[in-house]
C-alpha atoms as a PDB file:
ATOM      1  CA  MET A   1     -20.319 -15.879  32.068  1.00  0.00           C
ATOM      2  CA  LEU A   2     -16.864 -14.616  33.465  1.00  0.00           C
ATOM      3  CA  PRO A   3     -15.206 -17.841  33.266  1.00  0.00           C
ATOM      4  CA  ASP A   4     -15.628 -18.849  30.059  1.00  0.00           C
ATOM      5  CA  TYR A   5     -13.884 -15.691  28.882  1.00  0.00           C
ATOM      6  CA  ILE A   6     -10.772 -17.360  31.030  1.00  0.00           C
ATOM      7  CA  PRO A   7      -8.869 -18.877  28.287  1.00  0.00           C
ATOM      8  CA  VAL A   8      -9.039 -15.865  25.953  1.00  0.00           C
ATOM      9  CA  PHE A   9      -8.015 -14.236  28.813  1.00  0.00           C
ATOM     10  CA  ILE A  10      -4.643 -16.571  29.597  1.00  0.00           C
ATOM     11  CA  GLN A  11      -3.961 -16.598  24.730  1.00  0.00           C
ATOM     12  CA  ILE A  12      -3.787 -12.550  24.858  1.00  0.00           C
ATOM     13  CA  ILE A  13      -1.281 -12.860  28.059  1.00  0.00           C
ATOM     14  CA  ILE A  14       1.334 -15.519  26.833  1.00  0.00           C
ATOM     15  CA  ALA A  15       0.528 -13.956  22.672  1.00  0.00           C
ATOM     16  CA  SER A  16       1.611 -10.289  24.524  1.00  0.00           C
ATOM     17  CA  GLY A  17       4.495 -12.702  26.425  1.00  0.00           C
ATOM     18  CA  PHE A  18       5.830 -13.921  23.118  1.00  0.00           C
ATOM     19  CA  ALA A  19       5.326 -11.012  21.318  1.00  0.00           C
ATOM     20  CA  ILE A  20       7.801  -8.525  24.292  1.00  0.00           C
ATOM     21  CA  ALA A  21       9.964 -11.741  24.801  1.00  0.00           C
ATOM     22  CA  THR A  22      11.096 -11.877  21.326  1.00  0.00           C
ATOM     23  CA  LEU A  23      11.249  -7.901  20.144  1.00  0.00           C
ATOM     24  CA  ILE A  24      13.387  -8.348  23.378  1.00  0.00           C
ATOM     25  CA  ALA A  25      15.935 -11.122  22.226  1.00  0.00           C
ATOM     26  CA  SER A  26      16.509  -9.156  19.455  1.00  0.00           C
ATOM     27  CA  ALA A  27      17.667  -6.396  20.557  1.00  0.00           C
ATOM     28  CA  LEU A  28      19.851  -8.114  23.009  1.00  0.00           C
ATOM     29  CA  LEU A  29      21.272 -10.665  20.244  1.00  0.00           C
ATOM     30  CA  GLY A  30      20.291  -9.282  16.583  1.00  0.00           C
ATOM     31  CA  LYS A  31      22.273  -6.891  14.333  1.00  0.00           C
ATOM     32  CA  ARG A  32      22.212  -4.046  16.856  1.00  0.00           C
ATOM     33  CA  ALA A  33      24.883  -5.960  18.973  1.00  0.00           C
ATOM     34  CA  PHE A  34      27.257  -7.182  16.620  1.00  0.00           C
ATOM     35  CA  ARG A  35      27.291  -3.731  14.549  1.00  0.00           C
ATOM     36  CA  ASN A  36      30.214  -3.774  11.605  1.00  0.00           C
ATOM     37  CA  PRO A  37      30.052  -0.907   9.435  1.00  0.00           C
ATOM     38  CA  ILE A  38      31.689  -3.043   6.406  1.00  0.00           C
ATOM     39  CA  LYS A  39      28.418  -5.956   7.088  1.00  0.00           C
ATOM     40  CA  ASP A  40      25.889  -3.444   6.950  1.00  0.00           C
ATOM     41  CA  SER A  41      26.932  -1.504   3.481  1.00  0.00           C
ATOM     42  CA  ALA A  42      24.953  -3.205   1.038  1.00  0.00           C
ATOM     43  CA  TYR A  43      26.897  -6.231  -1.435  1.00  0.00           C
ATOM     44  CA  GLU A  44      26.678  -5.723  -4.960  1.00  0.00           C
ATOM     45  CA  CYS A  45      28.701  -8.765  -6.167  1.00  0.00           C
ATOM     46  CA  GLY A  46      31.806  -7.487  -4.836  1.00  0.00           C
ATOM     47  CA  MET A  47      31.358  -4.222  -6.347  1.00  0.00           C
ATOM     48  CA  LEU A  48      31.188  -0.797  -4.573  1.00  0.00           C
ATOM     49  CA  PRO A  49      26.974   0.007  -5.134  1.00  0.00           C
ATOM     50  CA  VAL A  50      27.125   3.007  -7.531  1.00  0.00           C
ATOM     51  CA  GLY A  51      23.933   5.688  -8.341  1.00  0.00           C
ATOM     52  CA  GLU A  52      19.967   5.250  -7.264  1.00  0.00           C
ATOM     53  CA  GLY A  53      18.929   1.631  -5.150  1.00  0.00           C
ATOM     54  CA  GLN A  54      15.710   0.831  -7.487  1.00  0.00           C
ATOM     55  CA  ALA A  55      15.409   1.757 -11.274  1.00  0.00           C
ATOM     56  CA  ARG A  56      12.836   3.843 -12.262  1.00  0.00           C
ATOM     57  CA  PHE A  57      10.241   2.450 -13.936  1.00  0.00           C
ATOM     58  CA  SER A  58       7.882   4.709 -17.127  1.00  0.00           C
ATOM     59  CA  VAL A  59       4.409   5.601 -15.763  1.00  0.00           C
ATOM     60  CA  LYS A  60       3.024   2.896 -18.928  1.00  0.00           C
ATOM     61  CA  PHE A  61       5.000   0.400 -17.309  1.00  0.00           C
ATOM     62  CA  TYR A  62       1.811   1.134 -14.023  1.00  0.00           C
ATOM     63  CA  LEU A  63      -0.524   1.629 -16.846  1.00  0.00           C
ATOM     64  CA  VAL A  64      -0.654  -1.759 -18.959  1.00  0.00           C
ATOM     65  CA  ALA A  65       0.452  -3.802 -15.079  1.00  0.00           C
ATOM     66  CA  MET A  66      -3.529  -1.518 -13.360  1.00  0.00           C
ATOM     67  CA  LEU A  67      -5.038  -2.712 -17.623  1.00  0.00           C
ATOM     68  CA  PHE A  68      -4.172  -6.648 -16.558  1.00  0.00           C
ATOM     69  CA  VAL A  69      -5.508  -6.567 -13.469  1.00  0.00           C
ATOM     70  CA  LEU A  70      -8.883  -4.505 -14.537  1.00  0.00           C
ATOM     71  CA  PHE A  71      -9.270  -7.493 -17.062  1.00  0.00           C
ATOM     72  CA  ASP A  72      -7.817 -10.225 -15.129  1.00  0.00           C
ATOM     73  CA  ILE A  73     -10.944  -9.512 -12.879  1.00  0.00           C
ATOM     74  CA  GLU A  74     -13.343  -9.824 -15.774  1.00  0.00           C
ATOM     75  CA  VAL A  75     -11.560 -13.390 -16.328  1.00  0.00           C
ATOM     76  CA  VAL A  76     -12.508 -13.978 -12.465  1.00  0.00           C
ATOM     77  CA  PHE A  77     -16.274 -12.920 -13.053  1.00  0.00           C
ATOM     78  CA  LEU A  78     -16.764 -14.651 -16.332  1.00  0.00           C
ATOM     79  CA  TYR A  79     -15.601 -17.826 -14.060  1.00  0.00           C
ATOM     80  CA  PRO A  80     -18.748 -18.356 -11.818  1.00  0.00           C
ATOM     81  CA  TRP A  81     -20.968 -17.035 -14.570  1.00  0.00           C
ATOM     82  CA  ALA A  82     -19.538 -19.888 -17.860  1.00  0.00           C
ATOM     83  CA  VAL A  83     -20.593 -22.155 -14.717  1.00  0.00           C
ATOM     84  CA  VAL A  84     -23.634 -22.096 -13.985  1.00  0.00           C
ATOM     85  CA  TYR A  85     -24.255 -20.571 -18.504  1.00  0.00           C
ATOM     86  CA  LYS A  86     -25.762 -24.284 -19.461  1.00  0.00           C
ATOM     87  CA  GLY A  87     -28.833 -24.605 -16.600  1.00  0.00           C
ATOM     88  CA  GLN A  88     -29.632 -21.163 -16.882  1.00  0.00           C
ATOM     89  CA  ILE A  89     -29.693 -21.192 -20.537  1.00  0.00           C
ATOM     90  CA  ASP A  90     -31.788 -24.786 -19.848  1.00  0.00           C
ATOM     91  CA  ALA A  91     -34.134 -23.220 -17.509  1.00  0.00           C
ATOM     92  CA  GLY A  92     -34.742 -20.406 -20.506  1.00  0.00           C
ATOM     93  CA  ALA A  93     -33.221 -17.277 -18.756  1.00  0.00           C
ATOM     94  CA  THR A  94     -32.426 -15.750 -21.785  1.00  0.00           C
ATOM     95  CA  VAL A  95     -31.915 -12.473 -19.171  1.00  0.00           C
ATOM     96  CA  PHE A  96     -28.441 -14.180 -17.943  1.00  0.00           C
ATOM     97  CA  PHE A  97     -26.704 -14.043 -21.725  1.00  0.00           C
ATOM     98  CA  TRP A  98     -27.514 -10.634 -22.261  1.00  0.00           C
ATOM     99  CA  SER A  99     -26.373  -9.176 -18.944  1.00  0.00           C
ATOM    100  CA  MET A 100     -23.227 -11.142 -19.024  1.00  0.00           C
ATOM    101  CA  PHE A 101     -22.658  -9.887 -23.037  1.00  0.00           C
ATOM    102  CA  SER A 102     -23.058  -6.171 -21.736  1.00  0.00           C
ATOM    103  CA  PHE A 103     -20.759  -6.648 -19.121  1.00  0.00           C
ATOM    104  CA  VAL A 104     -18.556  -7.588 -21.547  1.00  0.00           C
ATOM    105  CA  MET A 105     -18.835  -5.056 -24.676  1.00  0.00           C
ATOM    106  CA  ILE A 106     -18.438  -2.487 -22.052  1.00  0.00           C
ATOM    107  CA  LEU A 107     -14.982  -3.515 -21.123  1.00  0.00           C
ATOM    108  CA  ALA A 108     -14.375  -4.048 -25.204  1.00  0.00           C
ATOM    109  CA  VAL A 109     -15.738  -0.270 -25.276  1.00  0.00           C
ATOM    110  CA  ALA A 110     -12.515  -0.269 -22.381  1.00  0.00           C
ATOM    111  CA  TYR A 111     -10.218  -1.839 -24.071  1.00  0.00           C
ATOM    112  CA  VAL A 112     -10.816  -0.649 -27.427  1.00  0.00           C
ATOM    113  CA  TYR A 113     -10.447   2.985 -25.787  1.00  0.00           C
ATOM    114  CA  ALA A 114      -6.802   2.203 -23.704  1.00  0.00           C
ATOM    115  CA  LEU A 115      -5.724   0.777 -27.607  1.00  0.00           C
ATOM    116  CA  LYS A 116      -6.807   4.574 -28.760  1.00  0.00           C
ATOM    117  CA  LYS A 117      -5.078   6.223 -25.887  1.00  0.00           C
ATOM    118  CA  GLY A 118      -1.978   4.313 -26.412  1.00  0.00           C
ATOM    119  CA  ALA A 119      -1.891   3.297 -23.497  1.00  0.00           C
ATOM    120  CA  LEU A 120      -0.477  -0.473 -24.432  1.00  0.00           C
ATOM    121  CA  SER A 121       2.478   1.735 -26.983  1.00  0.00           C
ATOM    122  CA  TRP A 122       5.771   1.015 -26.010  1.00  0.00           C
ATOM    123  CA  LYS A 123       7.239   3.823 -27.861  1.00  0.00           C
ATOM    124  CA  ASN A 124       6.419   6.702 -26.237  1.00  0.00           C
END
């Protein structure tokens, strides 16, 4: 049984050797070998960098992003349902329709709740 695993062991050895060789080559030939304070500084279109590196975003931005992801996933669940919907209705399965209707209504209630709480308002 061990001879069956010899190609796997050879591949592991070659992959590890390649990773080690590239790390060593990077350390010898890379940025550390030819350091220069001017080249290591940040480049801002010819101007000296002033202030923080990244601008701060409001929490509202992240809240809207999370709501977008939530409702985007809803659409992902609606596509497979829409594909098989006609076949299910022809079979007479009305439970299929009402289960998706309840899913959409729960998300509609969540959307209305987010609107009432002002989660999508950019004024505050």
